[in-house]
C-alpha cells in the first residue's frame, strides 16, 4: 500500500516544478501573442508565437529566419525576418531588395517568395553596409512594417530567438517555420 504525499512533499514538488518551468521559459523557449500586421501573412495579429531562445547558441541567424529581437532604438521587442547578413551590402532598388557582397558588386535581387506584395518601399535606411555582428531585418508586410529601414540594424546580441511555430487562434491551425 502506498503512503499518501505529505504537505511537505507536495510543496517540494510544486517549488521544483515552478523553478523548472521558469528556467525553461527564461533560457530555452518562450511564447507570446503577436500584436500588429507587420509580418502578415506569415504571422497575423493574434497569432500565438513559439520562440526557441537556444536556436543561435551554436549557429548564426540565416537569411529568411523569423526572429524576435530588441532593436537599439526601440524599447520593445519586434518580430521580423532576417534579410541582410553581416558583411553584406543591402539596398532597395526599384522596390526590390538587392544583396551585394561589396560596394562595387552588382548584387542580386533577393527572391522573397513568402511575400504577398513584394514591393519594398525605400523609406528610411534603404542602402547600407552591414557590419559584423549586425543584421538587417524587415517585416513581410512592408507597407506597414516598422523595421530596420527605420529602426536601424539589429545587433546579433539583440536577437532573442528564432520563431519556430505559431498557432493561428482564428482558424485553430498550427504554422511551422
C-alpha atoms as a PDB file:
ATOM      1  CA  UNK A   1       0.000   0.000   0.000  1.00  0.00           C
ATOM      2  CA  UNK A   2       1.354   3.463  -0.966  1.00  0.00           C
ATOM      3  CA  UNK A   3       1.785   6.207   1.564  1.00  0.00           C
ATOM      4  CA  UNK A   4      -0.043   9.455   0.829  1.00  0.00           C
ATOM      5  CA  UNK A   5       2.044  12.513  -0.002  1.00  0.00           C
ATOM      6  CA  UNK A   6       2.728  14.784   2.909  1.00  0.00           C
ATOM      7  CA  UNK A   7       2.175  18.526   2.675  1.00  0.00           C
ATOM      8  CA  UNK A   8       5.951  18.967   2.748  1.00  0.00           C
ATOM      9  CA  UNK A   9       6.422  16.632  -0.255  1.00  0.00           C
ATOM     10  CA  UNK A  10       3.683  18.389  -2.233  1.00  0.00           C
ATOM     11  CA  UNK A  11       5.231  21.800  -1.505  1.00  0.00           C
ATOM     12  CA  UNK A  12       8.664  20.489  -2.585  1.00  0.00           C
ATOM     13  CA  UNK A  13       7.255  19.129  -5.861  1.00  0.00           C
ATOM     14  CA  UNK A  14       5.456  22.396  -6.604  1.00  0.00           C
ATOM     15  CA  UNK A  15       8.565  24.500  -5.910  1.00  0.00           C
ATOM     16  CA  UNK A  16      10.806  22.299  -8.067  1.00  0.00           C
ATOM     17  CA  UNK A  17       8.203  22.313 -10.865  1.00  0.00           C
ATOM     18  CA  UNK A  18       7.921  26.103 -10.734  1.00  0.00           C
ATOM     19  CA  UNK A  19      11.714  26.508 -10.874  1.00  0.00           C
ATOM     20  CA  UNK A  20      11.961  24.126 -13.841  1.00  0.00           C
ATOM     21  CA  UNK A  21       9.203  25.909 -15.801  1.00  0.00           C
ATOM     22  CA  UNK A  22      10.733  29.322 -15.033  1.00  0.00           C
ATOM     23  CA  UNK A  23      14.191  28.135 -16.167  1.00  0.00           C
ATOM     24  CA  UNK A  24      12.829  26.676 -19.404  1.00  0.00           C
ATOM     25  CA  UNK A  25      10.935  29.905 -20.146  1.00  0.00           C
ATOM     26  CA  UNK A  26      13.896  32.097 -19.224  1.00  0.00           C
ATOM     27  CA  UNK A  27      16.592  30.191 -21.107  1.00  0.00           C
ATOM     28  CA  UNK A  28      15.044  27.895 -23.716  1.00  0.00           C
ATOM     29  CA  UNK A  29      11.546  28.658 -25.006  1.00  0.00           C
ATOM     30  CA  UNK A  30       9.055  31.468 -24.893  1.00  0.00           C
ATOM     31  CA  UNK A  31       5.604  32.053 -26.274  1.00  0.00           C
ATOM     32  CA  UNK A  32       3.582  35.217 -26.751  1.00  0.00           C
ATOM     33  CA  UNK A  33       0.832  36.778 -28.836  1.00  0.00           C
ATOM     34  CA  UNK A  34       1.694  38.846 -31.919  1.00  0.00           C
ATOM     35  CA  UNK A  35       0.332  42.392 -31.998  1.00  0.00           C
ATOM     36  CA  UNK A  36       0.176  44.118 -35.363  1.00  0.00           C
ATOM     37  CA  UNK A  37       0.256  43.082 -39.009  1.00  0.00           C
ATOM     38  CA  UNK A  38       3.894  43.785 -39.903  1.00  0.00           C
ATOM     39  CA  UNK A  39       4.606  40.073 -40.553  1.00  0.00           C
ATOM     40  CA  UNK A  40       1.344  39.271 -42.361  1.00  0.00           C
ATOM     41  CA  UNK A  41       0.592  36.830 -43.948  1.00  0.00           C
ATOM     42  CA  UNK A  42       3.232  34.619 -42.244  1.00  0.00           C
ATOM     43  CA  UNK A  43       2.173  35.867 -38.801  1.00  0.00           C
ATOM     44  CA  UNK A  44      -1.016  37.747 -38.132  1.00  0.00           C
ATOM     45  CA  UNK A  45      -2.109  39.846 -35.199  1.00  0.00           C
ATOM     46  CA  UNK A  46      -3.389  37.468 -32.512  1.00  0.00           C
ATOM     47  CA  UNK A  47      -1.203  34.514 -33.504  1.00  0.00           C
ATOM     48  CA  UNK A  48       0.436  32.695 -30.572  1.00  0.00           C
ATOM     49  CA  UNK A  49       4.140  32.522 -31.485  1.00  0.00           C
ATOM     50  CA  UNK A  50       6.654  29.935 -30.227  1.00  0.00           C
ATOM     51  CA  UNK A  51      10.268  31.108 -29.885  1.00  0.00           C
ATOM     52  CA  UNK A  52      13.396  28.959 -29.496  1.00  0.00           C
ATOM     53  CA  UNK A  53      15.822  31.026 -27.418  1.00  0.00           C
ATOM     54  CA  UNK A  54      18.614  28.460 -27.910  1.00  0.00           C
ATOM     55  CA  UNK A  55      18.406  28.444 -31.727  1.00  0.00           C
ATOM     56  CA  UNK A  56      21.548  30.539 -32.112  1.00  0.00           C
ATOM     57  CA  UNK A  57      23.615  29.083 -29.283  1.00  0.00           C
ATOM     58  CA  UNK A  58      25.816  27.214 -31.796  1.00  0.00           C
ATOM     59  CA  UNK A  59      24.900  28.896 -35.073  1.00  0.00           C
ATOM     60  CA  UNK A  60      24.179  32.290 -36.567  1.00  0.00           C
ATOM     61  CA  UNK A  61      20.862  33.602 -37.894  1.00  0.00           C
ATOM     62  CA  UNK A  62      20.285  32.867 -41.568  1.00  0.00           C
ATOM     63  CA  UNK A  63      18.524  34.858 -44.247  1.00  0.00           C
ATOM     64  CA  UNK A  64      14.805  34.148 -44.060  1.00  0.00           C
ATOM     65  CA  UNK A  65      14.728  33.294 -40.335  1.00  0.00           C
ATOM     66  CA  UNK A  66      11.893  34.927 -38.425  1.00  0.00           C
ATOM     67  CA  UNK A  67      13.347  36.247 -35.179  1.00  0.00           C
ATOM     68  CA  UNK A  68      12.359  38.088 -32.040  1.00  0.00           C
ATOM     69  CA  UNK A  69      14.764  40.963 -31.418  1.00  0.00           C
ATOM     70  CA  UNK A  70      15.273  44.142 -29.456  1.00  0.00           C
ATOM     71  CA  UNK A  71      16.484  46.918 -31.779  1.00  0.00           C
ATOM     72  CA  UNK A  72      18.922  49.517 -30.453  1.00  0.00           C
ATOM     73  CA  UNK A  73      16.484  52.400 -30.966  1.00  0.00           C
ATOM     74  CA  UNK A  74      13.242  50.737 -29.891  1.00  0.00           C
ATOM     75  CA  UNK A  75      12.276  49.937 -26.309  1.00  0.00           C
ATOM     76  CA  UNK A  76      10.284  46.785 -27.083  1.00  0.00           C
ATOM     77  CA  UNK A  77      10.689  43.522 -28.916  1.00  0.00           C
ATOM     78  CA  UNK A  78       9.897  43.108 -32.588  1.00  0.00           C
ATOM     79  CA  UNK A  79       9.211  40.059 -34.745  1.00  0.00           C
ATOM     80  CA  UNK A  80      10.924  40.393 -38.137  1.00  0.00           C
ATOM     81  CA  UNK A  81      12.557  38.353 -40.904  1.00  0.00           C
ATOM     82  CA  UNK A  82      16.352  38.397 -41.322  1.00  0.00           C
ATOM     83  CA  UNK A  83      17.153  39.785 -44.776  1.00  0.00           C
ATOM     84  CA  UNK A  84      20.731  41.103 -44.682  1.00  0.00           C
ATOM     85  CA  UNK A  85      23.662  39.270 -43.080  1.00  0.00           C
ATOM     86  CA  UNK A  86      26.920  40.549 -41.549  1.00  0.00           C
ATOM     87  CA  UNK A  87      29.426  41.756 -44.146  1.00  0.00           C
ATOM     88  CA  UNK A  88      26.867  42.250 -46.919  1.00  0.00           C
ATOM     89  CA  UNK A  89      25.711  45.413 -48.631  1.00  0.00           C
ATOM     90  CA  UNK A  90      21.965  45.911 -48.549  1.00  0.00           C
ATOM     91  CA  UNK A  91      19.945  48.209 -50.791  1.00  0.00           C
ATOM     92  CA  UNK A  92      16.438  48.742 -52.066  1.00  0.00           C
ATOM     93  CA  UNK A  93      16.449  49.432 -55.799  1.00  0.00           C
ATOM     94  CA  UNK A  94      13.309  49.710 -57.937  1.00  0.00           C
ATOM     95  CA  UNK A  95      11.262  48.454 -54.964  1.00  0.00           C
ATOM     96  CA  UNK A  96      13.281  45.228 -54.757  1.00  0.00           C
ATOM     97  CA  UNK A  97      15.775  44.105 -52.117  1.00  0.00           C
ATOM     98  CA  UNK A  98      19.290  43.775 -53.550  1.00  0.00           C
ATOM     99  CA  UNK A  99      22.089  41.975 -51.695  1.00  0.00           C
ATOM    100  CA  UNK A 100      25.703  42.680 -52.623  1.00  0.00           C
ATOM    101  CA  UNK A 101      28.996  41.245 -51.385  1.00  0.00           C
ATOM    102  CA  UNK A 102      30.834  44.556 -51.844  1.00  0.00           C
ATOM    103  CA  UNK A 103      30.119  48.152 -52.760  1.00  0.00           C
ATOM    104  CA  UNK A 104      31.077  47.544 -56.412  1.00  0.00           C
ATOM    105  CA  UNK A 105      29.246  44.218 -56.746  1.00  0.00           C
ATOM    106  CA  UNK A 106      26.147  44.403 -58.971  1.00  0.00           C
ATOM    107  CA  UNK A 107      24.290  42.252 -56.480  1.00  0.00           C
ATOM    108  CA  UNK A 108      21.281  40.002 -56.844  1.00  0.00           C
ATOM    109  CA  UNK A 109      17.594  40.693 -56.334  1.00  0.00           C
ATOM    110  CA  UNK A 110      16.504  38.723 -53.299  1.00  0.00           C
ATOM    111  CA  UNK A 111      13.920  36.056 -54.111  1.00  0.00           C
ATOM    112  CA  UNK A 112      11.203  36.545 -51.490  1.00  0.00           C
ATOM    113  CA  UNK A 113       8.515  34.054 -52.436  1.00  0.00           C
ATOM    114  CA  UNK A 114       6.972  34.318 -48.956  1.00  0.00           C
ATOM    115  CA  UNK A 115       5.831  37.911 -49.632  1.00  0.00           C
ATOM    116  CA  UNK A 116       2.248  38.561 -50.669  1.00  0.00           C
ATOM    117  CA  UNK A 117       3.209  42.002 -52.022  1.00  0.00           C
ATOM    118  CA  UNK A 118       6.922  42.013 -52.981  1.00  0.00           C
ATOM    119  CA  UNK A 119       7.298  45.778 -53.491  1.00  0.00           C
ATOM    120  CA  UNK A 120       9.593  47.249 -50.842  1.00  0.00           C
ATOM    121  CA  UNK A 121       9.473  50.998 -50.315  1.00  0.00           C
ATOM    122  CA  UNK A 122      12.806  52.797 -49.883  1.00  0.00           C
ATOM    123  CA  UNK A 123      11.889  54.612 -46.676  1.00  0.00           C
ATOM    124  CA  UNK A 124      14.433  55.457 -44.020  1.00  0.00           C
ATOM    125  CA  UNK A 125      17.609  53.437 -44.409  1.00  0.00           C
ATOM    126  CA  UNK A 126      17.494  51.874 -47.861  1.00  0.00           C
ATOM    127  CA  UNK A 127      21.203  51.363 -48.525  1.00  0.00           C
ATOM    128  CA  UNK A 128      23.810  50.264 -46.024  1.00  0.00           C
ATOM    129  CA  UNK A 129      26.853  48.159 -45.303  1.00  0.00           C
ATOM    130  CA  UNK A 130      26.071  45.586 -42.637  1.00  0.00           C
ATOM    131  CA  UNK A 131      28.873  45.384 -40.086  1.00  0.00           C
ATOM    132  CA  UNK A 132      29.992  42.139 -38.413  1.00  0.00           C
ATOM    133  CA  UNK A 133      27.536  41.080 -35.718  1.00  0.00           C
ATOM    134  CA  UNK A 134      24.652  43.074 -37.245  1.00  0.00           C
ATOM    135  CA  UNK A 135      21.592  42.077 -39.253  1.00  0.00           C
ATOM    136  CA  UNK A 136      19.085  43.866 -41.468  1.00  0.00           C
ATOM    137  CA  UNK A 137      15.538  42.699 -40.699  1.00  0.00           C
ATOM    138  CA  UNK A 138      12.262  43.523 -42.448  1.00  0.00           C
ATOM    139  CA  UNK A 139       8.618  42.735 -41.847  1.00  0.00           C
ATOM    140  CA  UNK A 140       6.816  40.711 -44.516  1.00  0.00           C
ATOM    141  CA  UNK A 141       4.055  43.324 -44.802  1.00  0.00           C
ATOM    142  CA  UNK A 142       6.451  46.051 -45.945  1.00  0.00           C
ATOM    143  CA  UNK A 143       3.818  48.774 -46.332  1.00  0.00           C
ATOM    144  CA  UNK A 144       3.031  48.848 -42.594  1.00  0.00           C
ATOM    145  CA  UNK A 145       6.184  47.392 -41.066  1.00  0.00           C
ATOM    146  CA  UNK A 146       8.484  49.438 -38.868  1.00  0.00           C
ATOM    147  CA  UNK A 147      11.744  47.562 -39.306  1.00  0.00           C
ATOM    148  CA  UNK A 148      15.478  48.067 -39.966  1.00  0.00           C
ATOM    149  CA  UNK A 149      14.668  50.693 -42.570  1.00  0.00           C
ATOM    150  CA  UNK A 150      13.559  52.959 -39.707  1.00  0.00           C
ATOM    151  CA  UNK A 151      14.898  51.289 -36.556  1.00  0.00           C
ATOM    152  CA  UNK A 152      18.374  50.593 -37.915  1.00  0.00           C
ATOM    153  CA  UNK A 153      20.410  47.417 -37.900  1.00  0.00           C
ATOM    154  CA  UNK A 154      19.829  44.770 -35.239  1.00  0.00           C
ATOM    155  CA  UNK A 155      22.772  43.615 -33.138  1.00  0.00           C
ATOM    156  CA  UNK A 156      23.266  39.866 -33.040  1.00  0.00           C
ATOM    157  CA  UNK A 157      23.183  40.138 -29.251  1.00  0.00           C
ATOM    158  CA  UNK A 158      19.731  41.755 -29.555  1.00  0.00           C
ATOM    159  CA  UNK A 159      18.270  38.690 -31.230  1.00  0.00           C
ATOM    160  CA  UNK A 160      16.419  36.799 -28.512  1.00  0.00           C
ATOM    161  CA  UNK A 161      15.448  33.721 -30.512  1.00  0.00           C
ATOM    162  CA  UNK A 162      14.029  32.184 -33.676  1.00  0.00           C
ATOM    163  CA  UNK A 163      10.314  31.721 -34.242  1.00  0.00           C
ATOM    164  CA  UNK A 164       9.736  28.034 -34.984  1.00  0.00           C
ATOM    165  CA  UNK A 165       5.972  27.938 -34.993  1.00  0.00           C
ATOM    166  CA  UNK A 166       2.719  29.721 -34.354  1.00  0.00           C
ATOM    167  CA  UNK A 167      -0.864  28.861 -33.527  1.00  0.00           C
ATOM    168  CA  UNK A 168      -3.379  30.821 -35.555  1.00  0.00           C
ATOM    169  CA  UNK A 169      -6.119  31.182 -32.988  1.00  0.00           C
ATOM    170  CA  UNK A 170      -8.732  32.368 -35.532  1.00  0.00           C
ATOM    171  CA  UNK A 171      -8.581  29.105 -37.501  1.00  0.00           C
ATOM    172  CA  UNK A 172      -7.115  26.790 -34.831  1.00  0.00           C
ATOM    173  CA  UNK A 173      -4.204  25.992 -37.142  1.00  0.00           C
ATOM    174  CA  UNK A 174      -0.507  25.336 -36.368  1.00  0.00           C
ATOM    175  CA  UNK A 175       2.033  27.001 -38.671  1.00  0.00           C
ATOM    176  CA  UNK A 176       5.609  25.695 -38.611  1.00  0.00           C
ATOM    177  CA  UNK A 177       8.679  27.595 -39.802  1.00  0.00           C
END
